[in-house]
Amino acid sequence: MREGIKRLFDVIASGAGLIVLAPLLLLVAVWIKLDSAGPVFFMQQRAGRNERPFSIFKFRTMQHRAPESIDQHQEQVVSAGHDPRITRAGRIIRATSLDELPQLINIFKGDMSVVGPRPVLMEQTEVVPPGYKSRFSVRPGLTGLAQVRGRRSLGWLEQLAHDAEYVEKQSLALDLKILLLTVKVVVMGSGIYGEPGLNWRTYRDRLNGQPPKDSDVEEAMR
């Protein structure tokens, strides 16, 4: 019942959002095309519900590179400083979270939900401990518990802890609370960029070929 209501909300909210925001989406698309060479959208494979891959839609905020040419295991964390990979328009688009709006298409299609754990790269599934795979039991979201508790400023293991907590406590009331807090986070522009600390690539290197352990997450949250 709850899942059916949530899906109905997702369809109505994403459909209405695409209609109401159409002029804004068009303006951002034109801005991107005028600002730098490359496509308007950046599309990339992400892990959806039950780890099934899907193509996520985002406005392109970086210099154009084909997704398949990017080695995610070696890619550097996007920094808050003058990262040369980010375009001029991209800095403002990222700061206002406008780059995420095309994911309304993913929500309407059923790949994503308005609220849920953020969709991770397929490569990131390798470093999710067994006890935290529950994050994949629901559709990934446009926003989620980790996003309102620190967003990209959180370490990889902290994000997983919040994702698992969301799945355990999920309810329509919690979704509404997260949506309200998301407005505050976006307005304040907090947590837009990641830190060079324990991100998923650093954690993968630390594992040195060993499988990820639940205790690593528990230790990170102490």
Protein backbone atom coordinates (compact mmCIF):
# COMPACT_ATOMS: atom_id res chain seq x y z
CA MET A 1 0.00 0.00 0.00
CA ARG A 2 2.69 2.48 1.05
CA GLU A 3 4.79 1.61 -2.00
CA GLY A 4 1.80 2.11 -4.30
CA ILE A 5 1.08 5.54 -2.81
CA LYS A 6 4.73 6.48 -3.09
CA ARG A 7 4.85 5.46 -6.75
CA LEU A 8 1.69 7.44 -7.48
CA PHE A 9 3.25 10.48 -5.82
CA ASP A 10 6.44 9.99 -7.85
CA VAL A 11 4.52 9.92 -11.15
CA ILE A 12 2.40 12.97 -10.30
CA ALA A 13 5.30 14.98 -8.85
CA SER A 14 7.74 14.21 -11.67
CA GLY A 15 5.14 14.74 -14.39
CA ALA A 16 4.03 18.06 -12.92
CA GLY A 17 7.65 19.07 -12.34
CA LEU A 18 8.61 18.43 -15.96
CA ILE A 19 5.66 20.53 -17.19
CA VAL A 20 6.07 23.43 -14.76
CA LEU A 21 9.86 23.54 -15.03
CA ALA A 22 9.97 23.08 -18.83
CA PRO A 23 10.90 26.76 -19.51
CA LEU A 24 13.70 26.61 -16.92
CA LEU A 25 14.98 23.29 -18.24
CA LEU A 26 15.05 24.73 -21.77
CA LEU A 27 16.95 27.82 -20.63
CA VAL A 28 19.56 25.72 -18.81
CA ALA A 29 19.93 23.48 -21.87
CA VAL A 30 20.55 26.49 -24.14
CA TRP A 31 23.02 27.94 -21.62
CA ILE A 32 25.01 24.70 -21.56
CA LYS A 33 25.16 24.54 -25.37
CA LEU A 34 26.35 28.16 -25.62
CA ASP A 35 28.90 27.78 -22.83
CA SER A 36 30.87 24.71 -23.94
CA ALA A 37 31.10 22.03 -26.62
CA GLY A 38 29.28 18.79 -25.99
CA PRO A 39 25.79 17.42 -25.29
CA VAL A 40 23.31 19.04 -22.93
CA PHE A 41 22.84 15.88 -20.89
CA PHE A 42 25.40 13.71 -19.17
CA MET A 43 24.08 10.16 -19.15
CA GLN A 44 25.74 7.46 -17.10
CA GLN A 45 25.05 3.93 -15.88
CA ARG A 46 23.98 3.82 -12.24
CA ALA A 47 22.85 1.01 -9.95
CA GLY A 48 19.11 1.06 -9.42
CA ARG A 49 16.75 -1.12 -7.42
CA ASN A 50 18.21 -4.60 -6.88
CA GLU A 51 21.44 -3.24 -8.42
CA ARG A 52 19.93 -3.24 -11.91
CA PRO A 53 21.74 -0.69 -14.11
CA PHE A 54 19.90 2.25 -15.62
CA SER A 55 20.94 5.42 -17.45
CA ILE A 56 20.70 8.51 -15.26
CA PHE A 57 19.96 11.94 -16.76
CA LYS A 58 21.90 14.97 -15.54
CA PHE A 59 22.67 18.34 -17.04
CA ARG A 60 26.31 18.33 -18.12
CA THR A 61 28.42 20.52 -15.81
CA MET A 62 31.87 19.31 -16.85
CA GLN A 63 33.96 19.35 -19.99
CA HIS A 64 32.57 16.73 -22.33
CA ARG A 65 34.02 13.24 -22.03
CA ALA A 66 32.31 10.05 -23.11
CA PRO A 67 31.19 8.18 -19.94
CA GLU A 68 32.84 4.98 -21.16
CA SER A 69 36.20 6.80 -21.38
CA ILE A 70 36.18 7.67 -17.67
CA ASP A 71 38.00 5.26 -15.35
CA GLN A 72 35.89 5.67 -12.21
CA HIS A 73 38.45 3.86 -10.08
CA GLN A 74 41.05 6.54 -10.89
CA GLU A 75 38.84 9.63 -11.30
CA GLN A 76 39.62 12.41 -8.83
CA VAL A 77 36.97 13.79 -6.45
CA VAL A 78 35.38 16.95 -7.86
CA SER A 79 36.72 19.74 -5.66
CA ALA A 80 35.22 23.02 -4.51
CA GLY A 81 38.20 24.93 -5.84
CA HIS A 82 38.88 25.77 -9.48
CA ASP A 83 38.45 22.27 -10.84
CA PRO A 84 39.35 22.55 -14.55
CA ARG A 85 36.89 19.79 -15.42
CA ILE A 86 33.90 21.97 -14.46
CA THR A 87 32.60 24.45 -17.05
CA ARG A 88 31.78 28.08 -16.28
CA ALA A 89 28.06 27.40 -16.50
CA GLY A 90 28.58 24.15 -14.62
CA ARG A 91 29.77 25.91 -11.47
CA ILE A 92 26.49 27.77 -11.11
CA ILE A 93 24.37 24.84 -12.24
CA ARG A 94 26.02 22.58 -9.63
CA ALA A 95 25.79 25.24 -6.90
CA THR A 96 22.02 25.53 -7.44
CA SER A 97 21.52 21.76 -7.94
CA LEU A 98 19.92 22.43 -11.33
CA ASP A 99 22.02 19.60 -12.77
CA GLU A 100 19.84 17.09 -10.94
CA LEU A 101 16.49 18.24 -12.38
CA PRO A 102 16.59 16.00 -15.50
CA GLN A 103 16.29 13.06 -13.12
CA LEU A 104 12.58 13.89 -13.05
CA ILE A 105 12.59 11.88 -16.30
CA ASN A 106 14.09 8.90 -14.45
CA ILE A 107 11.46 9.23 -11.74
CA PHE A 108 8.61 9.36 -14.25
CA LYS A 109 10.02 6.29 -16.03
CA GLY A 110 10.22 4.34 -12.77
CA ASP A 111 14.02 4.12 -12.54
CA MET A 112 14.06 6.38 -9.49
CA SER A 113 11.88 7.83 -6.76
CA VAL A 114 11.67 11.37 -5.42
CA VAL A 115 13.08 10.18 -2.08
CA GLY A 116 15.51 7.29 -1.59
CA PRO A 117 19.23 6.51 -1.41
CA ARG A 118 21.11 8.33 -4.15
CA PRO A 119 21.93 6.11 -7.18
CA VAL A 120 25.57 5.04 -7.05
CA LEU A 121 27.99 4.19 -9.84
CA MET A 122 28.05 0.55 -10.87
CA GLU A 123 31.69 0.43 -9.70
CA GLN A 124 30.63 1.56 -6.23
CA THR A 125 28.55 -1.57 -5.66
CA GLU A 126 31.86 -3.42 -5.16
CA VAL A 127 32.48 -1.56 -1.89
CA VAL A 128 29.08 -1.85 -0.20
CA PRO A 129 29.30 -4.22 2.80
CA PRO A 130 26.74 -7.07 2.85
CA GLY A 131 24.69 -5.61 5.70
CA TYR A 132 24.21 -2.36 3.80
CA LYS A 133 23.08 -3.87 0.49
CA SER A 134 19.57 -3.12 1.77
CA ARG A 135 19.99 0.32 0.19
CA PHE A 136 19.34 -1.41 -3.14
CA SER A 137 15.99 -2.84 -2.02
CA VAL A 138 14.24 0.43 -2.89
CA ARG A 139 14.34 2.75 -5.88
CA PRO A 140 17.18 5.29 -5.67
CA GLY A 141 16.07 8.85 -5.03
CA LEU A 142 16.52 12.40 -6.24
CA THR A 143 17.14 13.22 -2.59
CA GLY A 144 17.56 11.11 0.51
CA LEU A 145 18.52 10.93 4.17
CA ALA A 146 22.26 11.18 3.43
CA GLN A 147 21.64 14.28 1.30
CA VAL A 148 19.99 16.20 4.14
CA ARG A 149 22.63 15.07 6.65
CA GLY A 150 25.69 16.25 4.80
CA ARG A 151 25.38 15.34 1.14
CA ARG A 152 28.77 14.88 -0.56
CA SER A 153 30.65 16.15 2.52
CA LEU A 154 29.91 12.78 4.17
CA GLY A 155 32.37 9.93 3.88
CA TRP A 156 31.38 6.89 1.83
CA LEU A 157 30.68 4.69 4.86
CA GLU A 158 28.61 7.41 6.54
CA GLN A 159 26.47 7.67 3.42
CA LEU A 160 25.85 3.92 3.48
CA ALA A 161 24.81 4.08 7.14
CA HIS A 162 22.23 6.78 6.42
CA ASP A 163 20.98 4.91 3.34
CA ALA A 164 20.41 1.75 5.38
CA GLU A 165 18.70 3.77 8.12
CA TYR A 166 16.32 5.23 5.54
CA VAL A 167 15.35 1.77 4.27
CA GLU A 168 14.78 0.56 7.82
CA LYS A 169 12.64 3.55 8.85
CA GLN A 170 11.04 4.42 5.51
CA SER A 171 7.59 5.95 5.69
CA LEU A 172 5.60 8.64 3.91
CA ALA A 173 6.12 10.93 6.90
CA LEU A 174 9.91 10.48 6.69
CA ASP A 175 9.80 11.20 2.95
CA LEU A 176 7.95 14.45 3.59
CA LYS A 177 10.47 15.45 6.27
CA ILE A 178 13.37 14.75 3.89
CA LEU A 179 11.72 16.81 1.13
CA LEU A 180 11.33 19.79 3.46
CA LEU A 181 14.94 19.50 4.66
CA THR A 182 16.12 19.21 1.05
CA VAL A 183 14.74 22.68 0.31
CA LYS A 184 16.88 24.05 3.13
CA VAL A 185 19.99 22.18 1.92
CA VAL A 186 19.58 23.41 -1.66
CA VAL A 187 18.95 27.02 -0.61
CA MET A 188 22.04 27.00 1.62
CA GLY A 189 24.11 25.27 -1.08
CA SER A 190 25.76 22.99 1.47
CA GLY A 191 27.61 19.75 0.74
CA ILE A 192 27.86 20.30 -3.03
CA TYR A 193 31.41 19.01 -3.32
CA GLY A 194 33.05 15.92 -1.87
CA GLU A 195 36.08 15.92 0.37
CA PRO A 196 39.33 14.05 -0.34
CA GLY A 197 38.83 11.95 2.81
CA LEU A 198 37.36 8.46 2.97
CA ASN A 199 35.48 8.45 -0.32
CA TRP A 200 34.59 5.15 -1.98
CA ARG A 201 37.84 5.01 -3.97
CA THR A 202 39.94 5.57 -0.84
CA TYR A 203 37.95 2.88 0.96
CA ARG A 204 38.46 0.49 -1.97
CA ASP A 205 42.22 1.09 -1.84
CA ARG A 206 42.24 0.55 1.92
CA LEU A 207 40.50 -2.82 1.49
CA ASN A 208 43.39 -3.92 -0.73
CA GLY A 209 41.38 -6.66 -2.39
CA GLN A 210 39.57 -7.79 0.76
CA PRO A 211 35.74 -7.79 0.87
CA PRO A 212 34.05 -4.82 2.56
CA LYS A 213 32.88 -5.45 6.13
CA ASP A 214 29.83 -4.21 8.04
CA SER A 215 32.10 -3.35 10.98
CA ASP A 216 33.84 -0.71 8.84
CA VAL A 217 30.59 1.26 8.63
CA GLU A 218 29.88 0.83 12.32
CA GLU A 219 33.37 2.06 13.17
CA ALA A 220 32.99 5.09 10.89
CA MET A 221 29.78 6.10 12.66
CA ARG A 222 31.24 6.01 16.17
